[in-house]
Amino acid sequence: MRIPMEEGNILNLQGMGTADQPSFVLKNAVDELQIEAVKSIFHFDKPLDGIGAHFADTDLGPIFMEHEGTPLVRSFSLYGELMKSIIHQQLNLSFANTLLMRFVESYGDKIDGVWRYPSPERIALLDVSELRDMQFSTRKAEYMIGLSQAIANGTLDLEKFRQLDDDEVTAELVSYRGVGPWTAQGFLMFGLGRPNLFPLADVGLQNALKKVWGMDRKPTRDEMLVRFPAWSPYLSYAALYLWRSIE
């Protein structure tokens, strides 16, 4: 895997081991901070055994066994993760990924064959019509440009979120147009790597639980919430493994 870093260099990461004895070779890191960042992004710095054991005797035990060792991998870019979350709102996965690649390839930078997200400063200067021409809805284009403007002018500081708790991050994010609880939870999970989030409104999770629980309909909010005590403090992993179960 080739990893674009915020500092501008490209890291090369290669898996060399097995599922039982994983090992990796990382090349081109400029300092120890980049090495530690990669460990954190890919969950190399924390074992997964305890998480799997936590779910072993729950209703999600079988899917944790089937997909054993799946880590919660974070995005390389907080801004990129926020844009990705906005783009994916209310779209099927295939078309959302198509729009995401159009966005990145139109405004991002390609370094040594690896695309990186555009800067918020660049997107802040766009006109809504430019994104409309790429099949973005008017509202979605307005959300992306508005958030980029807030980041570019310093009103919205994504880096400070690393020091805030989940509720504080959510409260600030949802104050911006276009960001609801689903988007905020996705940012917390895949941007910041928070372990205890479960997007109740996510249709994929509802369909996965319908299958796991053998239901002829999607579960209700209350039917999901009642399982939270057994799944906590790893709700994000419950969501991750449920998504994996229907891929």
C-alpha atoms as a PDB file:
ATOM      1  CA  MET A   1       0.000   0.000   0.000  1.00  0.00           C
ATOM      2  CA  ARG A   2       1.206   3.506  -0.826  1.00  0.00           C
ATOM      3  CA  ILE A   3       0.219   6.100   1.750  1.00  0.00           C
ATOM      4  CA  PRO A   4       0.079   9.870   1.080  1.00  0.00           C
ATOM      5  CA  MET A   5       1.232  11.774   4.178  1.00  0.00           C
ATOM      6  CA  GLU A   6       0.284  15.324   5.153  1.00  0.00           C
ATOM      7  CA  GLU A   7       3.975  16.287   4.952  1.00  0.00           C
ATOM      8  CA  GLY A   8       3.975  15.527   1.206  1.00  0.00           C
ATOM      9  CA  ASN A   9       5.895  12.256   1.046  1.00  0.00           C
ATOM     10  CA  ILE A  10       4.585   8.825   0.072  1.00  0.00           C
ATOM     11  CA  LEU A  11       5.109   5.860   2.387  1.00  0.00           C
ATOM     12  CA  ASN A  12       5.251   2.246   1.227  1.00  0.00           C
ATOM     13  CA  LEU A  13       3.651  -0.325   3.534  1.00  0.00           C
ATOM     14  CA  GLN A  14       3.885  -4.043   2.808  1.00  0.00           C
ATOM     15  CA  GLY A  15       2.374  -6.913   4.780  1.00  0.00           C
ATOM     16  CA  MET A  16       4.896  -9.716   5.287  1.00  0.00           C
ATOM     17  CA  GLY A  17       3.359 -11.989   7.904  1.00  0.00           C
ATOM     18  CA  THR A  18       0.263 -14.083   8.476  1.00  0.00           C
ATOM     19  CA  ALA A  19      -3.031 -13.472  10.239  1.00  0.00           C
ATOM     20  CA  ASP A  20      -1.674 -15.166  13.391  1.00  0.00           C
ATOM     21  CA  GLN A  21       1.751 -13.522  13.191  1.00  0.00           C
ATOM     22  CA  PRO A  22       1.388 -10.244  11.314  1.00  0.00           C
ATOM     23  CA  SER A  23       4.435  -8.223  10.345  1.00  0.00           C
ATOM     24  CA  PHE A  24       4.891  -5.202   8.111  1.00  0.00           C
ATOM     25  CA  VAL A  25       7.668  -3.334   6.357  1.00  0.00           C
ATOM     26  CA  LEU A  26       7.345   0.451   6.213  1.00  0.00           C
ATOM     27  CA  LYS A  27       9.595   2.474   3.906  1.00  0.00           C
ATOM     28  CA  ASN A  28      10.186   6.204   3.243  1.00  0.00           C
ATOM     29  CA  ALA A  29       9.080   7.541   6.641  1.00  0.00           C
ATOM     30  CA  VAL A  30      10.864  10.826   7.320  1.00  0.00           C
ATOM     31  CA  ASP A  31      10.756  10.561  11.106  1.00  0.00           C
ATOM     32  CA  GLU A  32       9.453   8.616  14.097  1.00  0.00           C
ATOM     33  CA  LEU A  33       6.259  10.699  14.133  1.00  0.00           C
ATOM     34  CA  GLN A  34       5.241   9.330  10.728  1.00  0.00           C
ATOM     35  CA  ILE A  35       5.936   5.783  11.883  1.00  0.00           C
ATOM     36  CA  GLU A  36       3.760   6.290  14.949  1.00  0.00           C
ATOM     37  CA  ALA A  37       1.043   7.877  12.786  1.00  0.00           C
ATOM     38  CA  VAL A  38       0.917   4.797  10.533  1.00  0.00           C
ATOM     39  CA  LYS A  39       0.740   2.500  13.566  1.00  0.00           C
ATOM     40  CA  SER A  40      -2.200   4.488  14.884  1.00  0.00           C
ATOM     41  CA  ILE A  41      -4.021   4.749  11.538  1.00  0.00           C
ATOM     42  CA  PHE A  42      -3.871   0.987  10.933  1.00  0.00           C
ATOM     43  CA  HIS A  43      -4.410  -0.078  14.556  1.00  0.00           C
ATOM     44  CA  PHE A  44      -0.919  -1.609  14.765  1.00  0.00           C
ATOM     45  CA  ASP A  45      -0.414  -0.004  18.176  1.00  0.00           C
ATOM     46  CA  LYS A  46      -3.318  -1.764  19.926  1.00  0.00           C
ATOM     47  CA  PRO A  47      -4.225  -5.466  20.033  1.00  0.00           C
ATOM     48  CA  LEU A  48      -7.606  -6.664  18.773  1.00  0.00           C
ATOM     49  CA  ASP A  49      -7.778  -9.830  20.893  1.00  0.00           C
ATOM     50  CA  GLY A  50      -9.649  -8.168  23.746  1.00  0.00           C
ATOM     51  CA  ILE A  51     -12.235  -6.716  21.390  1.00  0.00           C
ATOM     52  CA  GLY A  52     -12.918 -10.073  19.790  1.00  0.00           C
ATOM     53  CA  ALA A  53     -13.178 -11.712  23.213  1.00  0.00           C
ATOM     54  CA  HIS A  54     -15.638  -9.025  24.335  1.00  0.00           C
ATOM     55  CA  PHE A  55     -18.079 -10.036  21.574  1.00  0.00           C
ATOM     56  CA  ALA A  56     -17.491 -13.805  21.768  1.00  0.00           C
ATOM     57  CA  ASP A  57     -20.573 -14.507  23.886  1.00  0.00           C
ATOM     58  CA  THR A  58     -22.836 -11.887  22.311  1.00  0.00           C
ATOM     59  CA  ASP A  59     -25.223 -12.164  19.374  1.00  0.00           C
ATOM     60  CA  LEU A  60     -22.415 -10.762  17.179  1.00  0.00           C
ATOM     61  CA  GLY A  61     -19.973 -13.487  18.173  1.00  0.00           C
ATOM     62  CA  PRO A  62     -20.239 -15.457  14.883  1.00  0.00           C
ATOM     63  CA  ILE A  63     -19.424 -12.461  12.646  1.00  0.00           C
ATOM     64  CA  PHE A  64     -16.501 -11.482  14.886  1.00  0.00           C
ATOM     65  CA  MET A  65     -15.157 -14.994  14.468  1.00  0.00           C
ATOM     66  CA  GLU A  66     -15.732 -14.955  10.708  1.00  0.00           C
ATOM     67  CA  HIS A  67     -13.975 -11.599  10.235  1.00  0.00           C
ATOM     68  CA  GLU A  68     -11.456 -11.995  13.028  1.00  0.00           C
ATOM     69  CA  GLY A  69      -8.686  -9.426  13.100  1.00  0.00           C
ATOM     70  CA  THR A  70     -10.464  -6.659  11.175  1.00  0.00           C
ATOM     71  CA  PRO A  71      -9.176  -3.316  12.513  1.00  0.00           C
ATOM     72  CA  LEU A  72     -10.846   0.071  12.514  1.00  0.00           C
ATOM     73  CA  VAL A  73      -8.590   1.816   9.980  1.00  0.00           C
ATOM     74  CA  ARG A  74      -8.629   5.612  10.116  1.00  0.00           C
ATOM     75  CA  SER A  75      -8.465   8.006   7.177  1.00  0.00           C
ATOM     76  CA  PHE A  76      -5.134   9.625   6.320  1.00  0.00           C
ATOM     77  CA  SER A  77      -6.815  13.055   6.223  1.00  0.00           C
ATOM     78  CA  LEU A  78      -9.400  14.542   8.600  1.00  0.00           C
ATOM     79  CA  TYR A  79     -10.521  17.001   5.925  1.00  0.00           C
ATOM     80  CA  GLY A  80     -10.706  14.213   3.371  1.00  0.00           C
ATOM     81  CA  GLU A  81     -12.802  12.081   5.708  1.00  0.00           C
ATOM     82  CA  LEU A  82     -15.236  14.954   6.272  1.00  0.00           C
ATOM     83  CA  MET A  83     -15.598  15.539   2.531  1.00  0.00           C
ATOM     84  CA  LYS A  84     -16.036  11.807   1.963  1.00  0.00           C
ATOM     85  CA  SER A  85     -18.784  11.684   4.603  1.00  0.00           C
ATOM     86  CA  ILE A  86     -20.628  14.560   2.939  1.00  0.00           C
ATOM     87  CA  ILE A  87     -20.307  12.971  -0.506  1.00  0.00           C
ATOM     88  CA  HIS A  88     -21.643   9.616   0.756  1.00  0.00           C
ATOM     89  CA  GLN A  89     -24.784  11.113   2.289  1.00  0.00           C
ATOM     90  CA  GLN A  90     -27.932   9.394   0.935  1.00  0.00           C
ATOM     91  CA  LEU A  91     -26.155   7.778  -2.035  1.00  0.00           C
ATOM     92  CA  ASN A  92     -25.477   4.161  -2.894  1.00  0.00           C
ATOM     93  CA  LEU A  93     -21.868   3.132  -2.355  1.00  0.00           C
ATOM     94  CA  SER A  94     -20.966   2.764  -6.036  1.00  0.00           C
ATOM     95  CA  PHE A  95     -22.127   6.224  -7.135  1.00  0.00           C
ATOM     96  CA  ALA A  96     -20.731   7.843  -3.990  1.00  0.00           C
ATOM     97  CA  ASN A  97     -17.293   6.386  -4.746  1.00  0.00           C
ATOM     98  CA  THR A  98     -17.572   7.605  -8.343  1.00  0.00           C
ATOM     99  CA  LEU A  99     -18.283  11.161  -7.146  1.00  0.00           C
ATOM    100  CA  LEU A 100     -15.477  10.942  -4.609  1.00  0.00           C
ATOM    101  CA  MET A 101     -12.937  10.011  -7.290  1.00  0.00           C
ATOM    102  CA  ARG A 102     -14.186  12.798  -9.570  1.00  0.00           C
ATOM    103  CA  PHE A 103     -13.717  15.240  -6.712  1.00  0.00           C
ATOM    104  CA  VAL A 104     -10.211  14.042  -5.846  1.00  0.00           C
ATOM    105  CA  GLU A 105      -8.989  13.742  -9.430  1.00  0.00           C
ATOM    106  CA  SER A 106     -10.401  17.160 -10.391  1.00  0.00           C
ATOM    107  CA  TYR A 107      -9.040  19.165  -7.466  1.00  0.00           C
ATOM    108  CA  GLY A 108      -6.502  17.006  -5.653  1.00  0.00           C
ATOM    109  CA  ASP A 109      -2.827  16.398  -6.336  1.00  0.00           C
ATOM    110  CA  LYS A 110      -1.219  13.278  -7.752  1.00  0.00           C
ATOM    111  CA  ILE A 111       2.242  12.597  -6.343  1.00  0.00           C
ATOM    112  CA  ASP A 112       4.224   9.593  -7.581  1.00  0.00           C
ATOM    113  CA  GLY A 113       1.017   8.017  -8.828  1.00  0.00           C
ATOM    114  CA  VAL A 114      -0.886   8.495  -5.549  1.00  0.00           C
ATOM    115  CA  TRP A 115      -3.847  10.868  -5.302  1.00  0.00           C
ATOM    116  CA  ARG A 116      -4.291  13.052  -2.230  1.00  0.00           C
ATOM    117  CA  TYR A 117      -7.327  15.080  -1.247  1.00  0.00           C
ATOM    118  CA  PRO A 118      -7.458  18.726  -2.352  1.00  0.00           C
ATOM    119  CA  SER A 119      -6.848  21.437   0.222  1.00  0.00           C
ATOM    120  CA  PRO A 120      -9.835  23.140   1.854  1.00  0.00           C
ATOM    121  CA  GLU A 121      -8.432  26.438   0.582  1.00  0.00           C
ATOM    122  CA  ARG A 122      -8.860  25.279  -3.000  1.00  0.00           C
ATOM    123  CA  ILE A 123     -12.412  23.993  -2.530  1.00  0.00           C
ATOM    124  CA  ALA A 124     -13.375  27.152  -0.623  1.00  0.00           C
ATOM    125  CA  LEU A 125     -12.882  29.141  -3.833  1.00  0.00           C
ATOM    126  CA  LEU A 126     -15.139  26.960  -6.008  1.00  0.00           C
ATOM    127  CA  ASP A 127     -18.493  28.001  -7.350  1.00  0.00           C
ATOM    128  CA  VAL A 128     -21.395  25.623  -6.722  1.00  0.00           C
ATOM    129  CA  SER A 129     -21.869  25.255 -10.493  1.00  0.00           C
ATOM    130  CA  GLU A 130     -18.458  23.592 -10.828  1.00  0.00           C
ATOM    131  CA  LEU A 131     -19.476  20.738  -8.556  1.00  0.00           C
ATOM    132  CA  ARG A 132     -22.945  20.649 -10.098  1.00  0.00           C
ATOM    133  CA  ASP A 133     -21.275  19.944 -13.458  1.00  0.00           C
ATOM    134  CA  MET A 134     -19.759  16.828 -11.847  1.00  0.00           C
ATOM    135  CA  GLN A 135     -23.255  15.587 -10.808  1.00  0.00           C
ATOM    136  CA  PHE A 136     -23.164  16.814  -7.227  1.00  0.00           C
ATOM    137  CA  SER A 137     -26.498  18.090  -5.968  1.00  0.00           C
ATOM    138  CA  THR A 138     -26.754  21.811  -5.282  1.00  0.00           C
ATOM    139  CA  ARG A 139     -27.085  21.268  -1.544  1.00  0.00           C
ATOM    140  CA  LYS A 140     -24.180  18.850  -1.354  1.00  0.00           C
ATOM    141  CA  ALA A 141     -21.983  21.272  -3.303  1.00  0.00           C
ATOM    142  CA  GLU A 142     -22.982  24.062  -0.926  1.00  0.00           C
ATOM    143  CA  TYR A 143     -22.178  21.905   2.095  1.00  0.00           C
ATOM    144  CA  MET A 144     -18.724  20.963   0.795  1.00  0.00           C
ATOM    145  CA  ILE A 145     -17.808  24.513  -0.151  1.00  0.00           C
ATOM    146  CA  GLY A 146     -19.217  25.980   3.063  1.00  0.00           C
ATOM    147  CA  LEU A 147     -17.307  23.545   5.284  1.00  0.00           C
ATOM    148  CA  SER A 148     -14.135  24.134   3.283  1.00  0.00           C
ATOM    149  CA  GLN A 149     -14.512  27.880   3.728  1.00  0.00           C
ATOM    150  CA  ALA A 150     -14.943  27.445   7.495  1.00  0.00           C
ATOM    151  CA  ILE A 151     -11.790  25.313   7.656  1.00  0.00           C
ATOM    152  CA  ALA A 152      -9.800  27.629   5.388  1.00  0.00           C
ATOM    153  CA  ASN A 153     -10.612  30.727   7.450  1.00  0.00           C
ATOM    154  CA  GLY A 154      -9.896  28.968  10.747  1.00  0.00           C
ATOM    155  CA  THR A 155     -13.460  28.926  12.085  1.00  0.00           C
ATOM    156  CA  LEU A 156     -13.552  25.114  11.993  1.00  0.00           C
ATOM    157  CA  ASP A 157     -10.391  23.488  13.366  1.00  0.00           C
ATOM    158  CA  LEU A 158     -10.467  19.753  12.705  1.00  0.00           C
ATOM    159  CA  GLU A 159      -7.159  19.068  14.459  1.00  0.00           C
ATOM    160  CA  LYS A 160      -8.450  20.301  17.811  1.00  0.00           C
ATOM    161  CA  PHE A 161     -11.098  17.582  17.699  1.00  0.00           C
ATOM    162  CA  ARG A 162      -8.406  15.046  18.589  1.00  0.00           C
ATOM    163  CA  GLN A 163      -8.431  16.513  22.099  1.00  0.00           C
ATOM    164  CA  LEU A 164     -12.227  16.687  22.537  1.00  0.00           C
ATOM    165  CA  ASP A 165     -14.667  13.977  23.571  1.00  0.00           C
ATOM    166  CA  ASP A 166     -17.268  12.522  21.211  1.00  0.00           C
ATOM    167  CA  ASP A 167     -20.135  14.721  22.386  1.00  0.00           C
ATOM    168  CA  GLU A 168     -18.070  17.896  22.071  1.00  0.00           C
ATOM    169  CA  VAL A 169     -16.992  17.021  18.527  1.00  0.00           C
ATOM    170  CA  THR A 170     -20.554  16.141  17.517  1.00  0.00           C
ATOM    171  CA  ALA A 171     -22.000  19.330  18.981  1.00  0.00           C
ATOM    172  CA  GLU A 172     -19.614  21.520  17.008  1.00  0.00           C
ATOM    173  CA  LEU A 173     -19.848  19.593  13.733  1.00  0.00           C
ATOM    174  CA  VAL A 174     -23.645  19.493  13.607  1.00  0.00           C
ATOM    175  CA  SER A 175     -23.746  23.265  14.005  1.00  0.00           C
ATOM    176  CA  TYR A 176     -22.535  23.473  10.392  1.00  0.00           C
ATOM    177  CA  ARG A 177     -24.963  23.204   7.514  1.00  0.00           C
ATOM    178  CA  GLY A 178     -24.908  19.756   5.950  1.00  0.00           C
ATOM    179  CA  VAL A 179     -23.546  17.878   8.957  1.00  0.00           C
ATOM    180  CA  GLY A 180     -26.008  15.705  10.854  1.00  0.00           C
ATOM    181  CA  PRO A 181     -25.470  12.982  13.470  1.00  0.00           C
ATOM    182  CA  TRP A 182     -24.756  10.286  10.815  1.00  0.00           C
ATOM    183  CA  THR A 183     -21.985  12.378   9.238  1.00  0.00           C
ATOM    184  CA  ALA A 184     -20.548  13.365  12.607  1.00  0.00           C
ATOM    185  CA  GLN A 185     -20.459   9.741  13.761  1.00  0.00           C
ATOM    186  CA  GLY A 186     -18.721   8.659  10.557  1.00  0.00           C
ATOM    187  CA  PHE A 187     -16.110  11.374  11.078  1.00  0.00           C
ATOM    188  CA  LEU A 188     -15.580  10.289  14.686  1.00  0.00           C
ATOM    189  CA  MET A 189     -15.162   6.645  13.690  1.00  0.00           C
ATOM    190  CA  PHE A 190     -13.052   6.851  10.555  1.00  0.00           C
ATOM    191  CA  GLY A 191     -11.427  10.241  11.051  1.00  0.00           C
ATOM    192  CA  LEU A 192     -10.596  10.108  14.740  1.00  0.00           C
ATOM    193  CA  GLY A 193     -10.808   6.346  15.325  1.00  0.00           C
ATOM    194  CA  ARG A 194     -13.227   6.596  18.238  1.00  0.00           C
ATOM    195  CA  PRO A 195     -14.206   3.094  19.430  1.00  0.00           C
ATOM    196  CA  ASN A 196     -17.738   3.504  20.773  1.00  0.00           C
ATOM    197  CA  LEU A 197     -20.012   4.898  18.013  1.00  0.00           C
ATOM    198  CA  PHE A 198     -22.941   3.186  16.288  1.00  0.00           C
ATOM    199  CA  PRO A 199     -24.860   5.085  13.571  1.00  0.00           C
ATOM    200  CA  LEU A 200     -28.402   3.909  14.273  1.00  0.00           C
ATOM    201  CA  ALA A 201     -29.759   5.519  11.101  1.00  0.00           C
ATOM    202  CA  ASP A 202     -27.352   3.661   8.812  1.00  0.00           C
ATOM    203  CA  VAL A 203     -29.362   1.465   6.430  1.00  0.00           C
ATOM    204  CA  GLY A 204     -26.455  -0.946   5.943  1.00  0.00           C
ATOM    205  CA  LEU A 205     -26.273  -1.648   9.666  1.00  0.00           C
ATOM    206  CA  GLN A 206     -30.025  -2.120   9.843  1.00  0.00           C
ATOM    207  CA  ASN A 207     -29.893  -4.637   6.988  1.00  0.00           C
ATOM    208  CA  ALA A 208     -26.953  -6.454   8.571  1.00  0.00           C
ATOM    209  CA  LEU A 209     -28.767  -6.799  11.886  1.00  0.00           C
ATOM    210  CA  LYS A 210     -31.910  -7.941  10.099  1.00  0.00           C
ATOM    211  CA  LYS A 211     -29.810 -10.785   8.663  1.00  0.00           C
ATOM    212  CA  VAL A 212     -27.958 -11.589  11.910  1.00  0.00           C
ATOM    213  CA  TRP A 213     -31.160 -11.642  13.932  1.00  0.00           C
ATOM    214  CA  GLY A 214     -33.158 -13.546  11.301  1.00  0.00           C
ATOM    215  CA  MET A 215     -35.843 -10.875  11.050  1.00  0.00           C
ATOM    216  CA  ASP A 216     -38.301 -10.261   8.196  1.00  0.00           C
ATOM    217  CA  ARG A 217     -37.942  -6.482   8.653  1.00  0.00           C
ATOM    218  CA  LYS A 218     -35.323  -3.972   9.697  1.00  0.00           C
ATOM    219  CA  PRO A 219     -34.868  -3.652  13.464  1.00  0.00           C
ATOM    220  CA  THR A 220     -36.238  -0.620  15.250  1.00  0.00           C
ATOM    221  CA  ARG A 221     -34.116   1.956  17.040  1.00  0.00           C
ATOM    222  CA  ASP A 222     -35.163   0.541  20.413  1.00  0.00           C
ATOM    223  CA  GLU A 223     -34.311  -3.013  19.355  1.00  0.00           C
ATOM    224  CA  MET A 224     -30.793  -1.868  18.508  1.00  0.00           C
ATOM    225  CA  LEU A 225     -30.341   0.325  21.567  1.00  0.00           C
ATOM    226  CA  VAL A 226     -31.175  -2.501  23.952  1.00  0.00           C
ATOM    227  CA  ARG A 227     -28.023  -4.347  22.724  1.00  0.00           C
ATOM    228  CA  PHE A 228     -25.704  -1.397  23.376  1.00  0.00           C
ATOM    229  CA  PRO A 229     -24.818  -2.337  26.982  1.00  0.00           C
ATOM    230  CA  ALA A 230     -23.518  -5.736  25.801  1.00  0.00           C
ATOM    231  CA  TRP A 231     -21.573  -4.233  22.878  1.00  0.00           C
ATOM    232  CA  SER A 232     -20.097  -1.219  24.666  1.00  0.00           C
ATOM    233  CA  PRO A 233     -17.419   0.118  24.902  1.00  0.00           C
ATOM    234  CA  TYR A 234     -16.762  -1.153  21.355  1.00  0.00           C
ATOM    235  CA  LEU A 235     -19.841  -0.047  19.435  1.00  0.00           C
ATOM    236  CA  SER A 236     -17.678   1.130  16.517  1.00  0.00           C
ATOM    237  CA  TYR A 237     -16.364  -2.414  16.096  1.00  0.00           C
ATOM    238  CA  ALA A 238     -19.888  -3.796  16.239  1.00  0.00           C
ATOM    239  CA  ALA A 239     -20.729  -1.474  13.344  1.00  0.00           C
ATOM    240  CA  LEU A 240     -17.530  -2.317  11.462  1.00  0.00           C
ATOM    241  CA  TYR A 241     -18.045  -6.070  11.644  1.00  0.00           C
ATOM    242  CA  LEU A 242     -21.714  -5.759  10.728  1.00  0.00           C
ATOM    243  CA  TRP A 243     -20.734  -3.790   7.606  1.00  0.00           C
ATOM    244  CA  ARG A 244     -18.165  -6.479   6.793  1.00  0.00           C
ATOM    245  CA  SER A 245     -20.829  -9.176   7.148  1.00  0.00           C
ATOM    246  CA  ILE A 246     -22.854  -7.805   4.201  1.00  0.00           C
ATOM    247  CA  GLU A 247     -20.005  -6.813   1.857  1.00  0.00           C
END
